[in-house]
Amino acid sequence: MKFMKFAAASLLAFSAASALAQTSEPTVGATIYGPEGNVVGTVESIAGGIVTVDTGKHKAPLPADVFGTGEKGPSITATQAQINAMLDEQIAAATAQRDAALVPGAMVHSVSDVMVGTVETVEGDNVVLKLETGPVAMKREHFAVNPAGTLITLFTMDQIQAAAGQAEPAAAS
């Protein structure tokens, strides 16, 4: 989610210079409008200075200080299409970076930056992660590359081990 916050902040950086004179943090459930009065999305949540706007395609975390008040209500200086396009690009770039790093032999850390193991195999969306306790099957979507460039799994070591303990043993062939 840190990545998405960064992406949204980058998207709206260009609007900071042309931000509306009056800033106004919207409320949960409020409709957000773009520069021409078109709907951008609906506020889903507000926490820690981040307003999450559901555009219908993405849940865009936007800095609270980019909102102003327009003729129809809370507004920003980016359109729904601009926000969706920027997030599509950021997601595609993150996916490409992850896929390039997700290769046999690659070291993997947990989401809490603890060394977990190495990638044993990658076949389509199926990844086998080699731990000290043995192999664990995971999905490609369970991995990412953090801002430091480290391949990580989106789980803690405890979560991985708990899930592996609940897995059905493979049938003997």
N, C-alpha and C. Protein backbone atom coordinates (compact mmCIF):
# COMPACT_ATOMS: atom_id res chain seq x y z
N MET A 1 0.81 -1.18 0.00
CA MET A 1 0.00 0.00 0.00
C MET A 1 0.86 1.26 0.00
N LYS A 2 2.11 1.16 0.57
CA LYS A 2 3.00 2.31 0.53
C LYS A 2 3.23 2.74 -0.91
N PHE A 3 3.35 1.75 -1.80
CA PHE A 3 3.56 2.05 -3.22
C PHE A 3 2.41 2.88 -3.77
N MET A 4 1.18 2.48 -3.44
CA MET A 4 0.01 3.18 -3.96
C MET A 4 -0.05 4.61 -3.42
N LYS A 5 0.35 4.80 -2.15
CA LYS A 5 0.38 6.15 -1.59
C LYS A 5 1.37 7.00 -2.36
N PHE A 6 2.54 6.42 -2.66
CA PHE A 6 3.55 7.14 -3.41
C PHE A 6 3.05 7.47 -4.81
N ALA A 7 2.39 6.52 -5.45
CA ALA A 7 1.87 6.72 -6.80
C ALA A 7 0.86 7.84 -6.83
N ALA A 8 -0.04 7.83 -5.88
CA ALA A 8 -1.07 8.86 -5.85
C ALA A 8 -0.47 10.22 -5.53
N ALA A 9 0.50 10.24 -4.64
CA ALA A 9 1.15 11.51 -4.31
C ALA A 9 1.88 12.06 -5.54
N SER A 10 2.52 11.18 -6.30
CA SER A 10 3.20 11.59 -7.52
C SER A 10 2.21 12.15 -8.53
N LEU A 11 1.07 11.47 -8.64
CA LEU A 11 0.04 11.90 -9.57
C LEU A 11 -0.40 13.32 -9.28
N LEU A 12 -0.57 13.61 -8.01
CA LEU A 12 -1.12 14.91 -7.67
C LEU A 12 -0.06 15.97 -7.40
N ALA A 13 1.21 15.62 -7.51
CA ALA A 13 2.26 16.60 -7.30
C ALA A 13 2.12 17.75 -8.29
N PHE A 14 1.75 17.42 -9.53
CA PHE A 14 1.60 18.46 -10.53
C PHE A 14 0.46 19.40 -10.19
N SER A 15 -0.49 18.93 -9.41
CA SER A 15 -1.63 19.78 -9.09
C SER A 15 -1.36 20.69 -7.90
N ALA A 16 -0.28 20.45 -7.18
CA ALA A 16 0.01 21.27 -6.01
C ALA A 16 0.18 22.74 -6.38
N ALA A 17 0.84 23.00 -7.50
CA ALA A 17 1.07 24.38 -7.92
C ALA A 17 -0.23 25.06 -8.33
N SER A 18 -1.16 24.28 -8.82
CA SER A 18 -2.42 24.87 -9.26
C SER A 18 -3.57 24.49 -8.34
N ALA A 19 -3.22 24.11 -7.10
CA ALA A 19 -4.25 23.68 -6.16
C ALA A 19 -5.26 24.79 -5.92
N LEU A 20 -6.45 24.38 -5.59
CA LEU A 20 -7.50 25.34 -5.33
C LEU A 20 -7.10 26.20 -4.14
N ALA A 21 -7.53 27.46 -4.14
CA ALA A 21 -7.15 28.40 -3.09
C ALA A 21 -7.62 27.90 -1.71
N GLN A 22 -8.78 27.32 -1.63
CA GLN A 22 -9.31 26.87 -0.37
C GLN A 22 -9.23 25.35 -0.31
N THR A 23 -8.43 24.83 0.63
CA THR A 23 -8.37 23.38 0.77
C THR A 23 -9.44 22.94 1.74
N SER A 24 -9.96 21.77 1.51
CA SER A 24 -11.05 21.27 2.33
C SER A 24 -11.03 19.75 2.31
N GLU A 25 -10.76 19.13 3.47
CA GLU A 25 -10.74 17.68 3.53
C GLU A 25 -12.17 17.16 3.46
N PRO A 26 -12.45 16.31 2.51
CA PRO A 26 -13.81 15.77 2.37
C PRO A 26 -14.13 14.77 3.47
N THR A 27 -15.36 14.31 3.51
CA THR A 27 -15.78 13.31 4.48
C THR A 27 -16.02 11.98 3.79
N VAL A 28 -16.01 10.90 4.56
CA VAL A 28 -16.27 9.57 4.02
C VAL A 28 -17.66 9.56 3.38
N GLY A 29 -17.72 9.03 2.17
CA GLY A 29 -18.98 8.97 1.43
C GLY A 29 -19.19 10.13 0.47
N ALA A 30 -18.37 11.16 0.60
CA ALA A 30 -18.52 12.34 -0.26
C ALA A 30 -18.12 12.02 -1.70
N THR A 31 -18.82 12.64 -2.64
CA THR A 31 -18.46 12.54 -4.05
C THR A 31 -17.38 13.58 -4.31
N ILE A 32 -16.33 13.18 -5.04
CA ILE A 32 -15.24 14.09 -5.38
C ILE A 32 -15.38 14.44 -6.86
N TYR A 33 -15.19 15.71 -7.15
CA TYR A 33 -15.33 16.21 -8.52
C TYR A 33 -13.98 16.67 -9.06
N GLY A 34 -13.84 16.59 -10.38
CA GLY A 34 -12.63 17.01 -11.05
C GLY A 34 -12.69 18.48 -11.44
N PRO A 35 -11.69 18.93 -12.21
CA PRO A 35 -11.58 20.35 -12.54
C PRO A 35 -12.73 20.89 -13.41
N GLU A 36 -13.40 20.02 -14.12
CA GLU A 36 -14.52 20.48 -14.95
C GLU A 36 -15.86 20.07 -14.37
N GLY A 37 -15.88 19.67 -13.11
CA GLY A 37 -17.12 19.31 -12.44
C GLY A 37 -17.56 17.88 -12.65
N ASN A 38 -16.75 17.07 -13.35
CA ASN A 38 -17.10 15.66 -13.55
C ASN A 38 -16.73 14.85 -12.32
N VAL A 39 -17.49 13.78 -12.07
CA VAL A 39 -17.23 12.93 -10.91
C VAL A 39 -15.90 12.20 -11.08
N VAL A 40 -15.09 12.25 -10.02
CA VAL A 40 -13.83 11.51 -9.97
C VAL A 40 -14.04 10.21 -9.21
N GLY A 41 -14.77 10.28 -8.12
CA GLY A 41 -15.02 9.08 -7.31
C GLY A 41 -15.67 9.44 -6.00
N THR A 42 -15.68 8.45 -5.11
CA THR A 42 -16.29 8.61 -3.79
C THR A 42 -15.26 8.32 -2.72
N VAL A 43 -15.28 9.11 -1.66
CA VAL A 43 -14.34 8.91 -0.56
C VAL A 43 -14.72 7.63 0.18
N GLU A 44 -13.76 6.70 0.23
CA GLU A 44 -13.96 5.43 0.91
C GLU A 44 -13.48 5.48 2.35
N SER A 45 -12.34 6.14 2.57
CA SER A 45 -11.80 6.23 3.93
C SER A 45 -10.86 7.42 4.03
N ILE A 46 -10.61 7.82 5.26
CA ILE A 46 -9.66 8.90 5.55
C ILE A 46 -8.85 8.47 6.77
N ALA A 47 -7.53 8.46 6.61
CA ALA A 47 -6.66 8.06 7.72
C ALA A 47 -5.27 8.61 7.50
N GLY A 48 -4.69 9.18 8.54
CA GLY A 48 -3.30 9.63 8.49
C GLY A 48 -3.01 10.62 7.38
N GLY A 49 -3.93 11.52 7.09
CA GLY A 49 -3.72 12.52 6.05
C GLY A 49 -3.90 11.99 4.64
N ILE A 50 -4.40 10.77 4.51
CA ILE A 50 -4.63 10.16 3.19
C ILE A 50 -6.13 9.94 3.02
N VAL A 51 -6.65 10.43 1.91
CA VAL A 51 -8.06 10.25 1.56
C VAL A 51 -8.09 9.21 0.44
N THR A 52 -8.74 8.07 0.69
CA THR A 52 -8.84 7.03 -0.33
C THR A 52 -10.11 7.24 -1.12
N VAL A 53 -9.94 7.48 -2.42
CA VAL A 53 -11.06 7.75 -3.32
C VAL A 53 -11.24 6.55 -4.23
N ASP A 54 -12.46 6.01 -4.23
CA ASP A 54 -12.80 4.90 -5.12
C ASP A 54 -13.26 5.49 -6.44
N THR A 55 -12.46 5.28 -7.49
CA THR A 55 -12.78 5.84 -8.81
C THR A 55 -13.69 4.90 -9.61
N GLY A 56 -13.98 3.75 -9.05
CA GLY A 56 -14.73 2.73 -9.78
C GLY A 56 -13.79 1.71 -10.40
N LYS A 57 -12.53 2.10 -10.58
CA LYS A 57 -11.52 1.20 -11.12
C LYS A 57 -10.41 0.95 -10.10
N HIS A 58 -10.04 2.00 -9.40
CA HIS A 58 -8.97 1.93 -8.40
C HIS A 58 -9.43 2.58 -7.11
N LYS A 59 -8.75 2.20 -6.05
CA LYS A 59 -8.90 2.89 -4.78
C LYS A 59 -7.65 3.74 -4.66
N ALA A 60 -7.78 5.02 -4.95
CA ALA A 60 -6.64 5.92 -5.05
C ALA A 60 -6.38 6.65 -3.73
N PRO A 61 -5.25 6.39 -3.08
CA PRO A 61 -4.90 7.11 -1.85
C PRO A 61 -4.31 8.47 -2.22
N LEU A 62 -5.01 9.53 -1.85
CA LEU A 62 -4.60 10.88 -2.22
C LEU A 62 -4.32 11.71 -0.97
N PRO A 63 -3.31 12.57 -1.01
CA PRO A 63 -3.03 13.44 0.14
C PRO A 63 -4.22 14.36 0.41
N ALA A 64 -4.58 14.49 1.68
CA ALA A 64 -5.74 15.30 2.06
C ALA A 64 -5.60 16.76 1.63
N ASP A 65 -4.38 17.25 1.51
CA ASP A 65 -4.21 18.68 1.21
C ASP A 65 -4.39 19.04 -0.27
N VAL A 66 -4.74 18.07 -1.12
CA VAL A 66 -4.98 18.39 -2.53
C VAL A 66 -6.45 18.65 -2.83
N PHE A 67 -7.30 18.52 -1.82
CA PHE A 67 -8.72 18.73 -2.04
C PHE A 67 -9.11 20.16 -1.77
N GLY A 68 -9.98 20.65 -2.60
CA GLY A 68 -10.54 21.98 -2.41
C GLY A 68 -12.05 21.89 -2.49
N THR A 69 -12.69 23.04 -2.54
CA THR A 69 -14.14 23.06 -2.66
C THR A 69 -14.51 23.70 -3.98
N GLY A 70 -15.21 22.95 -4.82
CA GLY A 70 -15.67 23.46 -6.10
C GLY A 70 -17.15 23.80 -6.03
N GLU A 71 -17.72 24.10 -7.18
CA GLU A 71 -19.14 24.47 -7.24
C GLU A 71 -20.04 23.35 -6.75
N LYS A 72 -19.67 22.08 -7.01
CA LYS A 72 -20.53 20.95 -6.66
C LYS A 72 -20.17 20.32 -5.31
N GLY A 73 -19.00 20.63 -4.78
CA GLY A 73 -18.55 20.03 -3.53
C GLY A 73 -17.05 19.80 -3.55
N PRO A 74 -16.57 18.82 -2.78
CA PRO A 74 -15.13 18.57 -2.72
C PRO A 74 -14.57 18.28 -4.12
N SER A 75 -13.41 18.87 -4.41
CA SER A 75 -12.85 18.70 -5.75
C SER A 75 -11.33 18.61 -5.71
N ILE A 76 -10.77 18.10 -6.82
CA ILE A 76 -9.33 18.05 -7.02
C ILE A 76 -9.04 18.52 -8.44
N THR A 77 -7.78 18.75 -8.72
CA THR A 77 -7.42 19.29 -10.04
C THR A 77 -7.01 18.21 -11.03
N ALA A 78 -7.40 16.97 -10.76
CA ALA A 78 -7.13 15.85 -11.69
C ALA A 78 -8.46 15.19 -12.01
N THR A 79 -8.55 14.67 -13.22
CA THR A 79 -9.77 13.97 -13.62
C THR A 79 -9.70 12.50 -13.21
N GLN A 80 -10.83 11.83 -13.26
CA GLN A 80 -10.89 10.40 -12.98
C GLN A 80 -9.98 9.65 -13.96
N ALA A 81 -10.03 10.04 -15.23
CA ALA A 81 -9.21 9.37 -16.26
C ALA A 81 -7.72 9.55 -15.97
N GLN A 82 -7.32 10.74 -15.51
CA GLN A 82 -5.91 10.99 -15.19
C GLN A 82 -5.45 10.13 -14.01
N ILE A 83 -6.28 10.05 -12.98
CA ILE A 83 -5.93 9.24 -11.81
C ILE A 83 -5.85 7.77 -12.19
N ASN A 84 -6.85 7.28 -12.93
CA ASN A 84 -6.84 5.87 -13.35
C ASN A 84 -5.64 5.56 -14.23
N ALA A 85 -5.30 6.45 -15.16
CA ALA A 85 -4.17 6.22 -16.05
C ALA A 85 -2.85 6.17 -15.28
N MET A 86 -2.69 7.09 -14.34
CA MET A 86 -1.46 7.12 -13.55
C MET A 86 -1.33 5.85 -12.71
N LEU A 87 -2.42 5.43 -12.08
CA LEU A 87 -2.36 4.21 -11.27
C LEU A 87 -2.16 2.98 -12.14
N ASP A 88 -2.77 2.93 -13.32
CA ASP A 88 -2.53 1.82 -14.25
C ASP A 88 -1.05 1.73 -14.60
N GLU A 89 -0.42 2.87 -14.89
CA GLU A 89 1.00 2.89 -15.23
C GLU A 89 1.87 2.44 -14.05
N GLN A 90 1.55 2.93 -12.86
CA GLN A 90 2.32 2.57 -11.67
C GLN A 90 2.19 1.08 -11.37
N ILE A 91 0.99 0.54 -11.51
CA ILE A 91 0.77 -0.88 -11.25
C ILE A 91 1.51 -1.72 -12.29
N ALA A 92 1.46 -1.33 -13.54
CA ALA A 92 2.17 -2.06 -14.60
C ALA A 92 3.68 -2.04 -14.35
N ALA A 93 4.20 -0.91 -13.93
CA ALA A 93 5.64 -0.81 -13.66
C ALA A 93 6.03 -1.69 -12.47
N ALA A 94 5.22 -1.69 -11.42
CA ALA A 94 5.50 -2.51 -10.24
C ALA A 94 5.41 -4.00 -10.58
N THR A 95 4.44 -4.36 -11.41
CA THR A 95 4.28 -5.76 -11.83
C THR A 95 5.48 -6.21 -12.65
N ALA A 96 5.92 -5.37 -13.56
CA ALA A 96 7.09 -5.70 -14.39
C ALA A 96 8.34 -5.85 -13.53
N GLN A 97 8.50 -4.97 -12.56
CA GLN A 97 9.66 -5.04 -11.66
C GLN A 97 9.62 -6.34 -10.84
N ARG A 98 8.43 -6.68 -10.34
CA ARG A 98 8.28 -7.92 -9.57
C ARG A 98 8.59 -9.13 -10.44
N ASP A 99 8.02 -9.17 -11.64
CA ASP A 99 8.22 -10.32 -12.52
C ASP A 99 9.68 -10.49 -12.93
N ALA A 100 10.39 -9.39 -13.09
CA ALA A 100 11.81 -9.46 -13.44
C ALA A 100 12.64 -10.02 -12.28
N ALA A 101 12.22 -9.73 -11.05
CA ALA A 101 12.96 -10.18 -9.87
C ALA A 101 12.58 -11.60 -9.44
N LEU A 102 11.40 -12.06 -9.84
CA LEU A 102 10.87 -13.34 -9.39
C LEU A 102 11.39 -14.47 -10.27
N VAL A 103 12.64 -14.88 -9.99
CA VAL A 103 13.30 -15.91 -10.78
C VAL A 103 13.90 -16.95 -9.83
N PRO A 104 14.07 -18.19 -10.31
CA PRO A 104 14.68 -19.22 -9.46
C PRO A 104 16.03 -18.74 -8.90
N GLY A 105 16.19 -18.99 -7.62
CA GLY A 105 17.43 -18.60 -6.94
C GLY A 105 17.36 -17.25 -6.26
N ALA A 106 16.35 -16.45 -6.57
CA ALA A 106 16.24 -15.12 -5.98
C ALA A 106 15.94 -15.22 -4.48
N MET A 107 16.62 -14.41 -3.69
CA MET A 107 16.36 -14.36 -2.25
C MET A 107 15.08 -13.58 -2.02
N VAL A 108 14.31 -14.03 -1.03
CA VAL A 108 13.03 -13.41 -0.72
C VAL A 108 12.98 -13.05 0.76
N HIS A 109 12.52 -11.83 1.01
CA HIS A 109 12.32 -11.35 2.39
C HIS A 109 10.82 -11.31 2.66
N SER A 110 10.47 -11.27 3.94
CA SER A 110 9.07 -11.13 4.31
C SER A 110 8.70 -9.66 4.22
N VAL A 111 7.41 -9.37 4.37
CA VAL A 111 6.93 -8.00 4.35
C VAL A 111 7.56 -7.20 5.50
N SER A 112 7.98 -7.89 6.56
CA SER A 112 8.63 -7.23 7.69
C SER A 112 10.15 -7.27 7.57
N ASP A 113 10.66 -7.53 6.35
CA ASP A 113 12.07 -7.50 5.99
C ASP A 113 12.94 -8.53 6.71
N VAL A 114 12.38 -9.71 6.89
CA VAL A 114 13.13 -10.84 7.44
C VAL A 114 13.38 -11.80 6.29
N MET A 115 14.62 -12.30 6.18
CA MET A 115 14.95 -13.26 5.13
C MET A 115 14.08 -14.50 5.30
N VAL A 116 13.37 -14.88 4.23
CA VAL A 116 12.44 -16.01 4.28
C VAL A 116 13.03 -17.23 3.61
N GLY A 117 13.58 -17.07 2.43
CA GLY A 117 14.11 -18.19 1.68
C GLY A 117 14.45 -17.77 0.27
N THR A 118 14.43 -18.74 -0.64
CA THR A 118 14.74 -18.45 -2.04
C THR A 118 13.65 -19.01 -2.95
N VAL A 119 13.55 -18.43 -4.11
CA VAL A 119 12.61 -18.92 -5.10
C VAL A 119 13.19 -20.21 -5.67
N GLU A 120 12.41 -21.27 -5.59
CA GLU A 120 12.84 -22.54 -6.14
C GLU A 120 12.42 -22.66 -7.60
N THR A 121 11.12 -22.45 -7.86
CA THR A 121 10.62 -22.51 -9.24
C THR A 121 9.53 -21.46 -9.44
N VAL A 122 9.37 -21.06 -10.71
CA VAL A 122 8.29 -20.17 -11.11
C VAL A 122 7.70 -20.77 -12.38
N GLU A 123 6.44 -21.16 -12.30
CA GLU A 123 5.74 -21.71 -13.45
C GLU A 123 4.41 -21.00 -13.58
N GLY A 124 4.34 -20.07 -14.52
CA GLY A 124 3.12 -19.27 -14.67
C GLY A 124 2.92 -18.43 -13.42
N ASP A 125 1.75 -18.56 -12.80
CA ASP A 125 1.46 -17.81 -11.57
C ASP A 125 1.82 -18.59 -10.32
N ASN A 126 2.38 -19.78 -10.47
CA ASN A 126 2.74 -20.63 -9.33
C ASN A 126 4.22 -20.49 -9.02
N VAL A 127 4.49 -20.23 -7.75
CA VAL A 127 5.86 -20.03 -7.29
C VAL A 127 6.09 -20.98 -6.12
N VAL A 128 7.23 -21.67 -6.14
CA VAL A 128 7.61 -22.50 -5.00
C VAL A 128 8.76 -21.77 -4.31
N LEU A 129 8.52 -21.48 -3.05
CA LEU A 129 9.49 -20.79 -2.22
C LEU A 129 10.16 -21.82 -1.33
N LYS A 130 11.49 -21.85 -1.35
CA LYS A 130 12.26 -22.82 -0.55
C LYS A 130 12.61 -22.17 0.78
N LEU A 131 12.02 -22.70 1.85
CA LEU A 131 12.30 -22.25 3.20
C LEU A 131 13.23 -23.24 3.87
N GLU A 132 13.74 -22.91 5.05
CA GLU A 132 14.57 -23.86 5.81
C GLU A 132 13.76 -25.10 6.16
N THR A 133 12.44 -24.92 6.36
CA THR A 133 11.57 -26.02 6.76
C THR A 133 11.03 -26.81 5.59
N GLY A 134 11.33 -26.39 4.37
CA GLY A 134 10.86 -27.09 3.18
C GLY A 134 10.17 -26.14 2.21
N PRO A 135 9.74 -26.67 1.08
CA PRO A 135 9.12 -25.82 0.06
C PRO A 135 7.69 -25.42 0.42
N VAL A 136 7.30 -24.23 -0.04
CA VAL A 136 5.96 -23.71 0.16
C VAL A 136 5.47 -23.17 -1.19
N ALA A 137 4.28 -23.60 -1.59
CA ALA A 137 3.69 -23.11 -2.83
C ALA A 137 2.98 -21.79 -2.57
N MET A 138 3.23 -20.82 -3.45
CA MET A 138 2.60 -19.50 -3.35
C MET A 138 2.19 -19.05 -4.75
N LYS A 139 1.54 -17.93 -4.82
CA LYS A 139 1.12 -17.34 -6.09
C LYS A 139 2.00 -16.13 -6.40
N ARG A 140 2.16 -15.86 -7.67
CA ARG A 140 2.94 -14.71 -8.14
C ARG A 140 2.46 -13.42 -7.47
N GLU A 141 1.15 -13.29 -7.31
CA GLU A 141 0.57 -12.07 -6.74
C GLU A 141 0.95 -11.87 -5.27
N HIS A 142 1.54 -12.88 -4.64
CA HIS A 142 1.96 -12.78 -3.25
C HIS A 142 3.35 -12.16 -3.08
N PHE A 143 3.92 -11.66 -4.18
CA PHE A 143 5.26 -11.09 -4.15
C PHE A 143 5.24 -9.66 -4.69
N ALA A 144 6.24 -8.90 -4.29
CA ALA A 144 6.42 -7.53 -4.77
C ALA A 144 7.89 -7.18 -4.62
N VAL A 145 8.27 -6.02 -5.13
CA VAL A 145 9.60 -5.48 -4.91
C VAL A 145 9.42 -4.22 -4.08
N ASN A 146 10.11 -4.15 -2.93
CA ASN A 146 9.95 -2.99 -2.07
C ASN A 146 10.75 -1.80 -2.59
N PRO A 147 10.58 -0.62 -2.00
CA PRO A 147 11.30 0.57 -2.51
C PRO A 147 12.82 0.44 -2.52
N ALA A 148 13.36 -0.46 -1.69
CA ALA A 148 14.81 -0.67 -1.66
C ALA A 148 15.25 -1.63 -2.77
N GLY A 149 14.29 -2.19 -3.53
CA GLY A 149 14.62 -3.09 -4.62
C GLY A 149 14.70 -4.56 -4.22
N THR A 150 14.26 -4.88 -3.01
CA THR A 150 14.30 -6.24 -2.50
C THR A 150 13.02 -6.98 -2.86
N LEU A 151 13.16 -8.23 -3.33
CA LEU A 151 12.01 -9.08 -3.60
C LEU A 151 11.44 -9.50 -2.25
N ILE A 152 10.14 -9.24 -2.06
CA ILE A 152 9.49 -9.59 -0.80
C ILE A 152 8.23 -10.40 -1.07
N THR A 153 7.84 -11.15 -0.08
CA THR A 153 6.53 -11.76 -0.08
C THR A 153 5.64 -10.85 0.76
N LEU A 154 4.39 -10.78 0.45
CA LEU A 154 3.49 -9.84 1.12
C LEU A 154 2.95 -10.38 2.44
N PHE A 155 3.69 -11.33 3.01
CA PHE A 155 3.30 -11.95 4.27
C PHE A 155 4.47 -11.97 5.23
N THR A 156 4.16 -12.14 6.51
CA THR A 156 5.22 -12.34 7.50
C THR A 156 5.63 -13.81 7.46
N MET A 157 6.75 -14.12 8.05
CA MET A 157 7.20 -15.51 8.12
C MET A 157 6.19 -16.35 8.88
N ASP A 158 5.62 -15.81 9.96
CA ASP A 158 4.61 -16.54 10.74
C ASP A 158 3.38 -16.87 9.88
N GLN A 159 2.95 -15.93 9.06
CA GLN A 159 1.80 -16.17 8.19
C GLN A 159 2.10 -17.25 7.16
N ILE A 160 3.30 -17.22 6.61
CA ILE A 160 3.69 -18.23 5.62
C ILE A 160 3.72 -19.61 6.26
N GLN A 161 4.33 -19.71 7.43
CA GLN A 161 4.42 -21.00 8.11
C GLN A 161 3.05 -21.49 8.54
N ALA A 162 2.19 -20.60 8.99
CA ALA A 162 0.83 -21.00 9.38
C ALA A 162 0.06 -21.52 8.18
N ALA A 163 0.16 -20.83 7.06
CA ALA A 163 -0.53 -21.26 5.84
C ALA A 163 0.03 -22.60 5.35
N ALA A 164 1.35 -22.77 5.44
CA ALA A 164 1.97 -24.01 4.98
C ALA A 164 1.54 -25.17 5.87
N GLY A 165 1.34 -24.91 7.15
CA GLY A 165 0.91 -25.95 8.08
C GLY A 165 -0.52 -26.38 7.84
N GLN A 166 -1.32 -25.51 7.24
CA GLN A 166 -2.74 -25.81 6.98
C GLN A 166 -2.94 -26.44 5.62
N ALA A 167 -1.89 -26.47 4.80
CA ALA A 167 -2.03 -27.00 3.44
C ALA A 167 -2.23 -28.51 3.47
N GLU A 168 -3.01 -28.99 2.54
CA GLU A 168 -3.24 -30.43 2.40
C GLU A 168 -1.96 -31.06 1.84
N PRO A 169 -1.53 -32.18 2.35
CA PRO A 169 -0.36 -32.84 1.78
C PRO A 169 -0.66 -33.28 0.34
N ALA A 170 0.34 -33.22 -0.50
CA ALA A 170 0.17 -33.62 -1.89
C ALA A 170 -0.10 -35.12 -1.94
N ALA A 171 -1.00 -35.51 -2.83
CA ALA A 171 -1.35 -36.93 -2.99
C ALA A 171 -0.18 -37.66 -3.63
N ALA A 172 0.08 -38.84 -3.18
CA ALA A 172 1.17 -39.65 -3.76
C ALA A 172 0.75 -40.12 -5.14
N SER A 173 1.71 -40.03 -6.08
CA SER A 173 1.37 -40.48 -7.43
C SER A 173 2.01 -41.78 -7.75
